[in-house]
């Protein structure tokens, strides 16, 4: 018979009703696919203004916890719901995931994987989406300003001055609002993101595609050109992503898979809406790293 402390530990390990039901459906998804499942969920829609909802270096600790003791030969289905975040943290996270699972990673996007979330999805061999799902542009942001938009404005000013030297004072005032070296940093950020995504597409999604060299530049341009997409928060539907050339599968084609994905998704959203949790990183075995206001709750590992 367990003693008082053992029972208390069991209660803590079981977690809330939201935890137990959510874990049931995440496990159900893994049981259906026969693959490892990790959900990576941000509560940015429910908890606006909370620091940490974005992709950041702290998330690596969560993934280390939930990947520990998984059978990595089964690959990984990464269920993504994120607004994106830091480029360096994204690069480091993908490098870590690939060191664990190689390129046998599928991205599942039940609703939104924007910005750096799209970058992560592009590092996977396949992206599973639904009619309600969206990826987003990957144009990097510099202090909330589109780097590509800065470059567009800067080069437009140069062209205007070259054509009409008398416009120099006006154009000079336009570009003077940016700090010194800011334009150069924007150029580096755009190149970094494009090179990173191109490399991951080549080594993952299109590793065995003879037409990869022709497809990848077009995909990167379609995802990364701010002038083309017009807004960083633009939502790109599954059909649009297919048109761009990404390897997208529709969950509607497999009703059982669709039900399993959306059940897990809805329970993650319920948790984020009804509790103080703002970030959930959890595997199908119930091991989790849940960030809450003023605390982090770690279960298993």
C-alpha atoms as a PDB file:
ATOM      1  CA  UNK A   1       0.000   0.000   0.000  1.00  0.00           C
ATOM      2  CA  UNK A   2       1.425   3.421  -0.918  1.00  0.00           C
ATOM      3  CA  UNK A   3       2.070   5.886   1.862  1.00  0.00           C
ATOM      4  CA  UNK A   4       0.910   9.532   2.042  1.00  0.00           C
ATOM      5  CA  UNK A   5       3.903  10.899   0.119  1.00  0.00           C
ATOM      6  CA  UNK A   6       3.687   8.231  -2.576  1.00  0.00           C
ATOM      7  CA  UNK A   7       0.015   9.008  -3.127  1.00  0.00           C
ATOM      8  CA  UNK A   8       0.792  12.733  -3.292  1.00  0.00           C
ATOM      9  CA  UNK A   9       3.536  12.041  -5.845  1.00  0.00           C
ATOM     10  CA  UNK A  10       1.072   9.989  -7.882  1.00  0.00           C
ATOM     11  CA  UNK A  11      -1.466  12.813  -7.854  1.00  0.00           C
ATOM     12  CA  UNK A  12       1.198  15.291  -8.991  1.00  0.00           C
ATOM     13  CA  UNK A  13       2.351  12.922 -11.736  1.00  0.00           C
ATOM     14  CA  UNK A  14      -1.215  12.430 -12.981  1.00  0.00           C
ATOM     15  CA  UNK A  15      -1.747  16.162 -13.253  1.00  0.00           C
ATOM     16  CA  UNK A  16      -5.042  17.917 -13.923  1.00  0.00           C
ATOM     17  CA  UNK A  17      -8.052  16.557 -15.790  1.00  0.00           C
ATOM     18  CA  UNK A  18      -6.846  18.543 -18.801  1.00  0.00           C
ATOM     19  CA  UNK A  19      -3.495  16.762 -18.592  1.00  0.00           C
ATOM     20  CA  UNK A  20      -4.924  13.259 -18.360  1.00  0.00           C
ATOM     21  CA  UNK A  21      -7.415  13.707 -21.216  1.00  0.00           C
ATOM     22  CA  UNK A  22      -4.861  15.495 -23.418  1.00  0.00           C
ATOM     23  CA  UNK A  23      -2.343  12.707 -22.892  1.00  0.00           C
ATOM     24  CA  UNK A  24      -4.986  10.123 -23.771  1.00  0.00           C
ATOM     25  CA  UNK A  25      -5.482  11.660 -27.211  1.00  0.00           C
ATOM     26  CA  UNK A  26      -1.793  12.273 -27.875  1.00  0.00           C
ATOM     27  CA  UNK A  27      -1.200   8.594 -27.107  1.00  0.00           C
ATOM     28  CA  UNK A  28      -4.104   7.714 -29.399  1.00  0.00           C
ATOM     29  CA  UNK A  29      -2.393   9.512 -32.269  1.00  0.00           C
ATOM     30  CA  UNK A  30       0.843   7.604 -31.642  1.00  0.00           C
ATOM     31  CA  UNK A  31      -1.037   4.291 -31.381  1.00  0.00           C
ATOM     32  CA  UNK A  32      -2.606   4.971 -34.779  1.00  0.00           C
ATOM     33  CA  UNK A  33       0.605   5.942 -36.599  1.00  0.00           C
ATOM     34  CA  UNK A  34       3.073   3.683 -34.782  1.00  0.00           C
ATOM     35  CA  UNK A  35       5.419   6.672 -34.544  1.00  0.00           C
ATOM     36  CA  UNK A  36       6.687   8.891 -31.744  1.00  0.00           C
ATOM     37  CA  UNK A  37       4.527  11.945 -31.228  1.00  0.00           C
ATOM     38  CA  UNK A  38       5.568  15.240 -29.650  1.00  0.00           C
ATOM     39  CA  UNK A  39       3.229  18.206 -29.422  1.00  0.00           C
ATOM     40  CA  UNK A  40       4.863  21.635 -29.476  1.00  0.00           C
ATOM     41  CA  UNK A  41       2.122  24.098 -28.604  1.00  0.00           C
ATOM     42  CA  UNK A  42       2.174  27.803 -27.852  1.00  0.00           C
ATOM     43  CA  UNK A  43      -0.644  29.723 -26.181  1.00  0.00           C
ATOM     44  CA  UNK A  44       0.002  32.983 -27.986  1.00  0.00           C
ATOM     45  CA  UNK A  45      -3.631  33.207 -29.118  1.00  0.00           C
ATOM     46  CA  UNK A  46      -4.971  32.715 -25.596  1.00  0.00           C
ATOM     47  CA  UNK A  47      -2.350  34.655 -23.641  1.00  0.00           C
ATOM     48  CA  UNK A  48      -1.411  37.695 -25.646  1.00  0.00           C
ATOM     49  CA  UNK A  49       1.675  39.550 -24.468  1.00  0.00           C
ATOM     50  CA  UNK A  50       3.077  36.693 -22.387  1.00  0.00           C
ATOM     51  CA  UNK A  51       6.831  36.416 -22.802  1.00  0.00           C
ATOM     52  CA  UNK A  52       8.015  32.981 -23.842  1.00  0.00           C
ATOM     53  CA  UNK A  53       5.180  31.964 -26.164  1.00  0.00           C
ATOM     54  CA  UNK A  54       7.577  32.284 -29.108  1.00  0.00           C
ATOM     55  CA  UNK A  55      10.195  29.746 -30.203  1.00  0.00           C
ATOM     56  CA  UNK A  56      13.172  30.365 -27.925  1.00  0.00           C
ATOM     57  CA  UNK A  57      16.236  28.652 -26.482  1.00  0.00           C
ATOM     58  CA  UNK A  58      14.379  27.552 -23.340  1.00  0.00           C
ATOM     59  CA  UNK A  59      12.331  25.159 -25.481  1.00  0.00           C
ATOM     60  CA  UNK A  60      15.392  22.964 -26.004  1.00  0.00           C
ATOM     61  CA  UNK A  61      15.138  21.863 -22.365  1.00  0.00           C
ATOM     62  CA  UNK A  62      11.594  20.698 -23.006  1.00  0.00           C
ATOM     63  CA  UNK A  63      12.567  18.670 -26.044  1.00  0.00           C
ATOM     64  CA  UNK A  64      15.492  17.108 -24.222  1.00  0.00           C
ATOM     65  CA  UNK A  65      13.070  15.983 -21.513  1.00  0.00           C
ATOM     66  CA  UNK A  66      10.435  14.491 -23.802  1.00  0.00           C
ATOM     67  CA  UNK A  67      12.838  12.830 -26.265  1.00  0.00           C
ATOM     68  CA  UNK A  68      14.705  11.006 -23.502  1.00  0.00           C
ATOM     69  CA  UNK A  69      14.007   7.244 -23.628  1.00  0.00           C
ATOM     70  CA  UNK A  70      11.990   7.367 -26.859  1.00  0.00           C
ATOM     71  CA  UNK A  71      12.612   4.647 -29.456  1.00  0.00           C
ATOM     72  CA  UNK A  72      14.140   6.890 -32.099  1.00  0.00           C
ATOM     73  CA  UNK A  73      13.914   4.209 -34.805  1.00  0.00           C
ATOM     74  CA  UNK A  74      10.167   4.962 -34.952  1.00  0.00           C
ATOM     75  CA  UNK A  75      10.747   8.468 -36.274  1.00  0.00           C
ATOM     76  CA  UNK A  76       8.895  11.534 -35.048  1.00  0.00           C
ATOM     77  CA  UNK A  77       5.572  13.201 -35.748  1.00  0.00           C
ATOM     78  CA  UNK A  78       5.933  16.778 -34.513  1.00  0.00           C
ATOM     79  CA  UNK A  79       2.558  18.449 -33.963  1.00  0.00           C
ATOM     80  CA  UNK A  80       3.143  22.188 -34.346  1.00  0.00           C
ATOM     81  CA  UNK A  81       1.134  25.180 -33.194  1.00  0.00           C
ATOM     82  CA  UNK A  82       3.344  28.258 -32.900  1.00  0.00           C
ATOM     83  CA  UNK A  83       3.649  31.896 -33.985  1.00  0.00           C
ATOM     84  CA  UNK A  84       7.374  31.415 -34.673  1.00  0.00           C
ATOM     85  CA  UNK A  85      10.227  33.094 -32.894  1.00  0.00           C
ATOM     86  CA  UNK A  86      13.993  33.430 -32.766  1.00  0.00           C
ATOM     87  CA  UNK A  87      15.943  32.304 -35.846  1.00  0.00           C
ATOM     88  CA  UNK A  88      18.980  31.075 -33.921  1.00  0.00           C
ATOM     89  CA  UNK A  89      16.800  29.082 -31.504  1.00  0.00           C
ATOM     90  CA  UNK A  90      14.926  27.577 -34.448  1.00  0.00           C
ATOM     91  CA  UNK A  91      18.145  26.510 -36.157  1.00  0.00           C
ATOM     92  CA  UNK A  92      19.457  24.960 -32.946  1.00  0.00           C
ATOM     93  CA  UNK A  93      16.179  23.131 -32.293  1.00  0.00           C
ATOM     94  CA  UNK A  94      16.033  21.626 -35.785  1.00  0.00           C
ATOM     95  CA  UNK A  95      19.682  20.575 -35.564  1.00  0.00           C
ATOM     96  CA  UNK A  96      18.888  18.819 -32.267  1.00  0.00           C
ATOM     97  CA  UNK A  97      15.776  17.078 -33.609  1.00  0.00           C
ATOM     98  CA  UNK A  98      17.673  15.848 -36.631  1.00  0.00           C
ATOM     99  CA  UNK A  99      20.506  14.593 -34.448  1.00  0.00           C
ATOM    100  CA  UNK A 100      17.907  12.490 -32.627  1.00  0.00           C
ATOM    101  CA  UNK A 101      15.680  11.307 -35.494  1.00  0.00           C
ATOM    102  CA  UNK A 102      17.627  12.054 -38.666  1.00  0.00           C
ATOM    103  CA  UNK A 103      15.254  13.268 -41.361  1.00  0.00           C
ATOM    104  CA  UNK A 104      12.469  10.852 -40.380  1.00  0.00           C
ATOM    105  CA  UNK A 105      10.352  13.700 -39.039  1.00  0.00           C
ATOM    106  CA  UNK A 106       6.874  14.656 -40.156  1.00  0.00           C
ATOM    107  CA  UNK A 107       5.351  18.020 -39.271  1.00  0.00           C
ATOM    108  CA  UNK A 108       1.655  17.956 -38.408  1.00  0.00           C
ATOM    109  CA  UNK A 109      -0.026  21.359 -38.525  1.00  0.00           C
ATOM    110  CA  UNK A 110      -3.618  21.184 -37.253  1.00  0.00           C
ATOM    111  CA  UNK A 111      -4.069  24.960 -37.330  1.00  0.00           C
ATOM    112  CA  UNK A 112      -1.107  27.383 -37.450  1.00  0.00           C
ATOM    113  CA  UNK A 113       2.663  27.090 -37.757  1.00  0.00           C
ATOM    114  CA  UNK A 114       3.816  30.567 -38.701  1.00  0.00           C
ATOM    115  CA  UNK A 115       7.194  32.171 -39.388  1.00  0.00           C
ATOM    116  CA  UNK A 116       9.809  30.029 -37.608  1.00  0.00           C
ATOM    117  CA  UNK A 117       7.107  27.361 -37.267  1.00  0.00           C
ATOM    118  CA  UNK A 118       7.034  27.185 -41.058  1.00  0.00           C
ATOM    119  CA  UNK A 119      10.825  26.979 -41.081  1.00  0.00           C
ATOM    120  CA  UNK A 120      10.630  23.970 -38.737  1.00  0.00           C
ATOM    121  CA  UNK A 121       7.996  22.354 -40.965  1.00  0.00           C
ATOM    122  CA  UNK A 122      10.250  22.829 -43.988  1.00  0.00           C
ATOM    123  CA  UNK A 123      12.961  20.849 -42.189  1.00  0.00           C
ATOM    124  CA  UNK A 124      10.657  17.798 -42.097  1.00  0.00           C
ATOM    125  CA  UNK A 125      10.226  15.162 -44.792  1.00  0.00           C
ATOM    126  CA  UNK A 126       6.481  15.775 -45.026  1.00  0.00           C
ATOM    127  CA  UNK A 127       3.902  18.276 -43.779  1.00  0.00           C
ATOM    128  CA  UNK A 128       0.435  17.043 -42.841  1.00  0.00           C
ATOM    129  CA  UNK A 129      -2.206  19.771 -43.004  1.00  0.00           C
ATOM    130  CA  UNK A 130      -5.966  20.170 -43.214  1.00  0.00           C
ATOM    131  CA  UNK A 131      -8.260  22.580 -44.972  1.00  0.00           C
ATOM    132  CA  UNK A 132      -8.148  24.730 -41.825  1.00  0.00           C
ATOM    133  CA  UNK A 133      -4.344  24.671 -41.524  1.00  0.00           C
ATOM    134  CA  UNK A 134      -1.937  27.442 -42.425  1.00  0.00           C
ATOM    135  CA  UNK A 135       1.786  28.032 -42.697  1.00  0.00           C
ATOM    136  CA  UNK A 136       3.187  31.537 -42.988  1.00  0.00           C
ATOM    137  CA  UNK A 137       5.897  33.622 -44.655  1.00  0.00           C
ATOM    138  CA  UNK A 138       9.442  33.034 -43.427  1.00  0.00           C
ATOM    139  CA  UNK A 139      10.726  36.568 -43.984  1.00  0.00           C
ATOM    140  CA  UNK A 140      12.765  37.408 -40.863  1.00  0.00           C
ATOM    141  CA  UNK A 141      11.743  40.265 -38.579  1.00  0.00           C
ATOM    142  CA  UNK A 142      14.234  42.711 -37.056  1.00  0.00           C
ATOM    143  CA  UNK A 143      12.770  44.284 -33.917  1.00  0.00           C
ATOM    144  CA  UNK A 144       9.324  43.733 -35.387  1.00  0.00           C
ATOM    145  CA  UNK A 145      10.291  45.250 -38.748  1.00  0.00           C
ATOM    146  CA  UNK A 146      10.315  43.006 -41.858  1.00  0.00           C
ATOM    147  CA  UNK A 147      13.965  42.704 -42.898  1.00  0.00           C
ATOM    148  CA  UNK A 148      12.954  42.221 -46.518  1.00  0.00           C
ATOM    149  CA  UNK A 149      10.786  45.352 -46.335  1.00  0.00           C
ATOM    150  CA  UNK A 150      13.744  47.398 -45.072  1.00  0.00           C
ATOM    151  CA  UNK A 151      15.887  46.191 -47.957  1.00  0.00           C
ATOM    152  CA  UNK A 152      13.096  46.889 -50.423  1.00  0.00           C
ATOM    153  CA  UNK A 153      12.759  50.465 -49.142  1.00  0.00           C
ATOM    154  CA  UNK A 154      16.532  51.006 -49.091  1.00  0.00           C
ATOM    155  CA  UNK A 155      17.099  49.785 -52.650  1.00  0.00           C
ATOM    156  CA  UNK A 156      14.096  51.758 -53.879  1.00  0.00           C
ATOM    157  CA  UNK A 157      15.638  54.903 -52.369  1.00  0.00           C
ATOM    158  CA  UNK A 158      18.975  54.193 -54.082  1.00  0.00           C
ATOM    159  CA  UNK A 159      17.258  53.684 -57.446  1.00  0.00           C
ATOM    160  CA  UNK A 160      15.249  56.898 -57.015  1.00  0.00           C
ATOM    161  CA  UNK A 161      18.347  58.954 -56.197  1.00  0.00           C
ATOM    162  CA  UNK A 162      20.236  57.447 -59.126  1.00  0.00           C
ATOM    163  CA  UNK A 163      17.408  58.416 -61.459  1.00  0.00           C
ATOM    164  CA  UNK A 164      16.805  61.836 -59.861  1.00  0.00           C
ATOM    165  CA  UNK A 165      19.725  63.197 -57.773  1.00  0.00           C
ATOM    166  CA  UNK A 166      17.542  66.071 -56.547  1.00  0.00           C
ATOM    167  CA  UNK A 167      15.548  63.552 -54.494  1.00  0.00           C
ATOM    168  CA  UNK A 168      18.581  62.826 -52.283  1.00  0.00           C
ATOM    169  CA  UNK A 169      17.447  64.896 -49.231  1.00  0.00           C
ATOM    170  CA  UNK A 170      14.045  63.181 -49.160  1.00  0.00           C
ATOM    171  CA  UNK A 171      15.464  59.682 -49.674  1.00  0.00           C
ATOM    172  CA  UNK A 172      18.219  60.345 -47.142  1.00  0.00           C
ATOM    173  CA  UNK A 173      15.627  61.232 -44.518  1.00  0.00           C
ATOM    174  CA  UNK A 174      13.725  58.047 -45.357  1.00  0.00           C
ATOM    175  CA  UNK A 175      16.641  55.672 -44.744  1.00  0.00           C
ATOM    176  CA  UNK A 176      18.111  57.696 -41.856  1.00  0.00           C
ATOM    177  CA  UNK A 177      15.410  56.297 -39.530  1.00  0.00           C
ATOM    178  CA  UNK A 178      17.284  52.995 -39.431  1.00  0.00           C
ATOM    179  CA  UNK A 179      20.267  52.608 -37.045  1.00  0.00           C
ATOM    180  CA  UNK A 180      23.784  52.296 -38.517  1.00  0.00           C
ATOM    181  CA  UNK A 181      24.493  48.838 -39.956  1.00  0.00           C
ATOM    182  CA  UNK A 182      20.792  47.921 -39.662  1.00  0.00           C
ATOM    183  CA  UNK A 183      20.428  47.404 -43.404  1.00  0.00           C
ATOM    184  CA  UNK A 184      23.431  45.089 -43.386  1.00  0.00           C
ATOM    185  CA  UNK A 185      21.952  43.088 -40.514  1.00  0.00           C
ATOM    186  CA  UNK A 186      18.694  42.784 -42.451  1.00  0.00           C
ATOM    187  CA  UNK A 187      20.576  41.452 -45.465  1.00  0.00           C
ATOM    188  CA  UNK A 188      22.332  38.857 -43.317  1.00  0.00           C
ATOM    189  CA  UNK A 189      19.044  37.782 -41.688  1.00  0.00           C
ATOM    190  CA  UNK A 190      17.360  37.228 -45.049  1.00  0.00           C
ATOM    191  CA  UNK A 191      20.325  35.279 -46.433  1.00  0.00           C
ATOM    192  CA  UNK A 192      20.611  33.203 -43.238  1.00  0.00           C
ATOM    193  CA  UNK A 193      16.950  32.191 -43.293  1.00  0.00           C
ATOM    194  CA  UNK A 194      16.915  31.409 -47.008  1.00  0.00           C
ATOM    195  CA  UNK A 195      20.117  29.353 -46.826  1.00  0.00           C
ATOM    196  CA  UNK A 196      18.886  27.452 -43.776  1.00  0.00           C
ATOM    197  CA  UNK A 197      15.537  26.528 -45.332  1.00  0.00           C
ATOM    198  CA  UNK A 198      17.135  25.672 -48.673  1.00  0.00           C
ATOM    199  CA  UNK A 199      19.621  23.337 -46.995  1.00  0.00           C
ATOM    200  CA  UNK A 200      16.941  21.578 -44.948  1.00  0.00           C
ATOM    201  CA  UNK A 201      14.632  21.143 -47.935  1.00  0.00           C
ATOM    202  CA  UNK A 202      17.521  19.665 -49.929  1.00  0.00           C
ATOM    203  CA  UNK A 203      18.591  17.234 -47.203  1.00  0.00           C
ATOM    204  CA  UNK A 204      15.095  16.306 -46.040  1.00  0.00           C
ATOM    205  CA  UNK A 205      11.905  16.820 -48.005  1.00  0.00           C
ATOM    206  CA  UNK A 206      13.566  16.668 -51.423  1.00  0.00           C
ATOM    207  CA  UNK A 207      16.579  14.482 -50.652  1.00  0.00           C
ATOM    208  CA  UNK A 208      15.522  11.920 -53.247  1.00  0.00           C
ATOM    209  CA  UNK A 209      13.963  14.339 -55.734  1.00  0.00           C
ATOM    210  CA  UNK A 210      15.911  14.761 -58.970  1.00  0.00           C
ATOM    211  CA  UNK A 211      14.212  18.110 -59.531  1.00  0.00           C
ATOM    212  CA  UNK A 212      15.123  19.494 -56.099  1.00  0.00           C
ATOM    213  CA  UNK A 213      17.549  22.115 -57.447  1.00  0.00           C
ATOM    214  CA  UNK A 214      14.779  23.602 -59.557  1.00  0.00           C
ATOM    215  CA  UNK A 215      12.034  23.371 -56.923  1.00  0.00           C
ATOM    216  CA  UNK A 216      13.774  24.686 -53.820  1.00  0.00           C
ATOM    217  CA  UNK A 217      14.610  28.262 -54.961  1.00  0.00           C
ATOM    218  CA  UNK A 218      11.012  28.749 -56.053  1.00  0.00           C
ATOM    219  CA  UNK A 219       9.674  27.480 -52.711  1.00  0.00           C
ATOM    220  CA  UNK A 220      12.039  29.673 -50.701  1.00  0.00           C
ATOM    221  CA  UNK A 221      11.115  32.716 -52.764  1.00  0.00           C
ATOM    222  CA  UNK A 222       7.419  31.972 -52.382  1.00  0.00           C
ATOM    223  CA  UNK A 223       7.728  31.677 -48.615  1.00  0.00           C
ATOM    224  CA  UNK A 224      10.329  34.371 -48.037  1.00  0.00           C
ATOM    225  CA  UNK A 225       9.522  37.292 -50.359  1.00  0.00           C
ATOM    226  CA  UNK A 226       7.860  40.012 -48.283  1.00  0.00           C
ATOM    227  CA  UNK A 227       6.889  41.926 -51.404  1.00  0.00           C
ATOM    228  CA  UNK A 228       5.072  38.845 -52.687  1.00  0.00           C
ATOM    229  CA  UNK A 229       3.319  37.912 -49.442  1.00  0.00           C
ATOM    230  CA  UNK A 230       2.700  41.534 -48.398  1.00  0.00           C
ATOM    231  CA  UNK A 231       2.411  40.751 -44.653  1.00  0.00           C
ATOM    232  CA  UNK A 232       4.448  38.651 -42.236  1.00  0.00           C
ATOM    233  CA  UNK A 233       1.289  37.287 -40.590  1.00  0.00           C
ATOM    234  CA  UNK A 234      -0.286  36.181 -43.857  1.00  0.00           C
ATOM    235  CA  UNK A 235      -1.820  32.707 -43.631  1.00  0.00           C
ATOM    236  CA  UNK A 236      -0.847  30.307 -46.410  1.00  0.00           C
ATOM    237  CA  UNK A 237      -3.372  27.508 -46.856  1.00  0.00           C
ATOM    238  CA  UNK A 238      -2.509  23.875 -47.484  1.00  0.00           C
ATOM    239  CA  UNK A 239      -3.526  24.299 -51.124  1.00  0.00           C
ATOM    240  CA  UNK A 240      -1.227  27.327 -51.455  1.00  0.00           C
ATOM    241  CA  UNK A 241       1.631  25.340 -49.914  1.00  0.00           C
ATOM    242  CA  UNK A 242       1.066  22.559 -52.443  1.00  0.00           C
ATOM    243  CA  UNK A 243       1.136  25.126 -55.249  1.00  0.00           C
ATOM    244  CA  UNK A 244       4.448  26.421 -53.906  1.00  0.00           C
ATOM    245  CA  UNK A 245       5.844  22.894 -54.248  1.00  0.00           C
ATOM    246  CA  UNK A 246       6.003  21.704 -50.637  1.00  0.00           C
ATOM    247  CA  UNK A 247       5.380  18.034 -49.856  1.00  0.00           C
ATOM    248  CA  UNK A 248       1.980  18.376 -48.188  1.00  0.00           C
ATOM    249  CA  UNK A 249      -0.445  15.583 -47.314  1.00  0.00           C
ATOM    250  CA  UNK A 250      -4.066  16.338 -46.481  1.00  0.00           C
ATOM    251  CA  UNK A 251      -5.372  14.847 -43.254  1.00  0.00           C
ATOM    252  CA  UNK A 252      -8.886  14.713 -44.759  1.00  0.00           C
ATOM    253  CA  UNK A 253      -7.702  11.869 -46.982  1.00  0.00           C
ATOM    254  CA  UNK A 254      -7.342   9.675 -43.868  1.00  0.00           C
ATOM    255  CA  UNK A 255     -10.397  10.264 -41.646  1.00  0.00           C
ATOM    256  CA  UNK A 256      -9.044   8.225 -38.713  1.00  0.00           C
ATOM    257  CA  UNK A 257      -5.801  10.193 -38.772  1.00  0.00           C
ATOM    258  CA  UNK A 258      -7.719  13.456 -39.056  1.00  0.00           C
ATOM    259  CA  UNK A 259      -9.840  12.576 -36.020  1.00  0.00           C
ATOM    260  CA  UNK A 260      -6.769  11.608 -33.970  1.00  0.00           C
ATOM    261  CA  UNK A 261      -4.881  14.777 -34.904  1.00  0.00           C
ATOM    262  CA  UNK A 262      -7.771  17.135 -34.222  1.00  0.00           C
ATOM    263  CA  UNK A 263      -8.666  15.462 -30.916  1.00  0.00           C
ATOM    264  CA  UNK A 264      -5.109  15.971 -29.656  1.00  0.00           C
ATOM    265  CA  UNK A 265      -5.095  19.507 -31.057  1.00  0.00           C
ATOM    266  CA  UNK A 266      -8.367  20.489 -29.413  1.00  0.00           C
ATOM    267  CA  UNK A 267      -7.242  19.168 -26.045  1.00  0.00           C
ATOM    268  CA  UNK A 268      -4.007  21.183 -26.275  1.00  0.00           C
ATOM    269  CA  UNK A 269      -6.055  24.292 -27.075  1.00  0.00           C
ATOM    270  CA  UNK A 270      -8.445  23.554 -24.200  1.00  0.00           C
ATOM    271  CA  UNK A 271      -5.460  23.264 -21.852  1.00  0.00           C
ATOM    272  CA  UNK A 272      -3.971  26.557 -23.005  1.00  0.00           C
ATOM    273  CA  UNK A 273      -7.320  28.301 -22.679  1.00  0.00           C
ATOM    274  CA  UNK A 274      -8.432  26.912 -19.311  1.00  0.00           C
ATOM    275  CA  UNK A 275      -5.160  26.739 -17.361  1.00  0.00           C
ATOM    276  CA  UNK A 276      -2.161  28.991 -16.735  1.00  0.00           C
ATOM    277  CA  UNK A 277      -0.082  26.997 -19.253  1.00  0.00           C
ATOM    278  CA  UNK A 278       1.326  29.007 -22.157  1.00  0.00           C
ATOM    279  CA  UNK A 279       3.687  26.426 -23.688  1.00  0.00           C
ATOM    280  CA  UNK A 280       3.229  22.642 -23.917  1.00  0.00           C
ATOM    281  CA  UNK A 281       5.972  20.271 -25.046  1.00  0.00           C
ATOM    282  CA  UNK A 282       4.777  16.708 -24.478  1.00  0.00           C
ATOM    283  CA  UNK A 283       5.236  13.228 -25.898  1.00  0.00           C
ATOM    284  CA  UNK A 284       2.829  10.317 -26.344  1.00  0.00           C
ATOM    285  CA  UNK A 285       4.113   8.648 -23.182  1.00  0.00           C
ATOM    286  CA  UNK A 286       2.944  11.553 -21.045  1.00  0.00           C
ATOM    287  CA  UNK A 287       6.389  13.034 -20.442  1.00  0.00           C
ATOM    288  CA  UNK A 288       5.984  16.777 -20.566  1.00  0.00           C
ATOM    289  CA  UNK A 289       7.557  20.176 -20.126  1.00  0.00           C
ATOM    290  CA  UNK A 290       4.770  22.669 -19.524  1.00  0.00           C
ATOM    291  CA  UNK A 291       5.526  26.333 -18.969  1.00  0.00           C
ATOM    292  CA  UNK A 292       3.052  28.246 -16.834  1.00  0.00           C
ATOM    293  CA  UNK A 293       2.925  31.704 -15.368  1.00  0.00           C
ATOM    294  CA  UNK A 294       5.819  31.859 -12.878  1.00  0.00           C
ATOM    295  CA  UNK A 295       6.579  28.130 -13.111  1.00  0.00           C
ATOM    296  CA  UNK A 296       7.612  25.183 -15.253  1.00  0.00           C
ATOM    297  CA  UNK A 297       6.055  21.777 -14.626  1.00  0.00           C
ATOM    298  CA  UNK A 298       8.156  18.790 -15.700  1.00  0.00           C
ATOM    299  CA  UNK A 299       6.629  15.330 -15.750  1.00  0.00           C
ATOM    300  CA  UNK A 300       8.687  12.227 -16.543  1.00  0.00           C
ATOM    301  CA  UNK A 301      11.751  12.251 -18.753  1.00  0.00           C
END
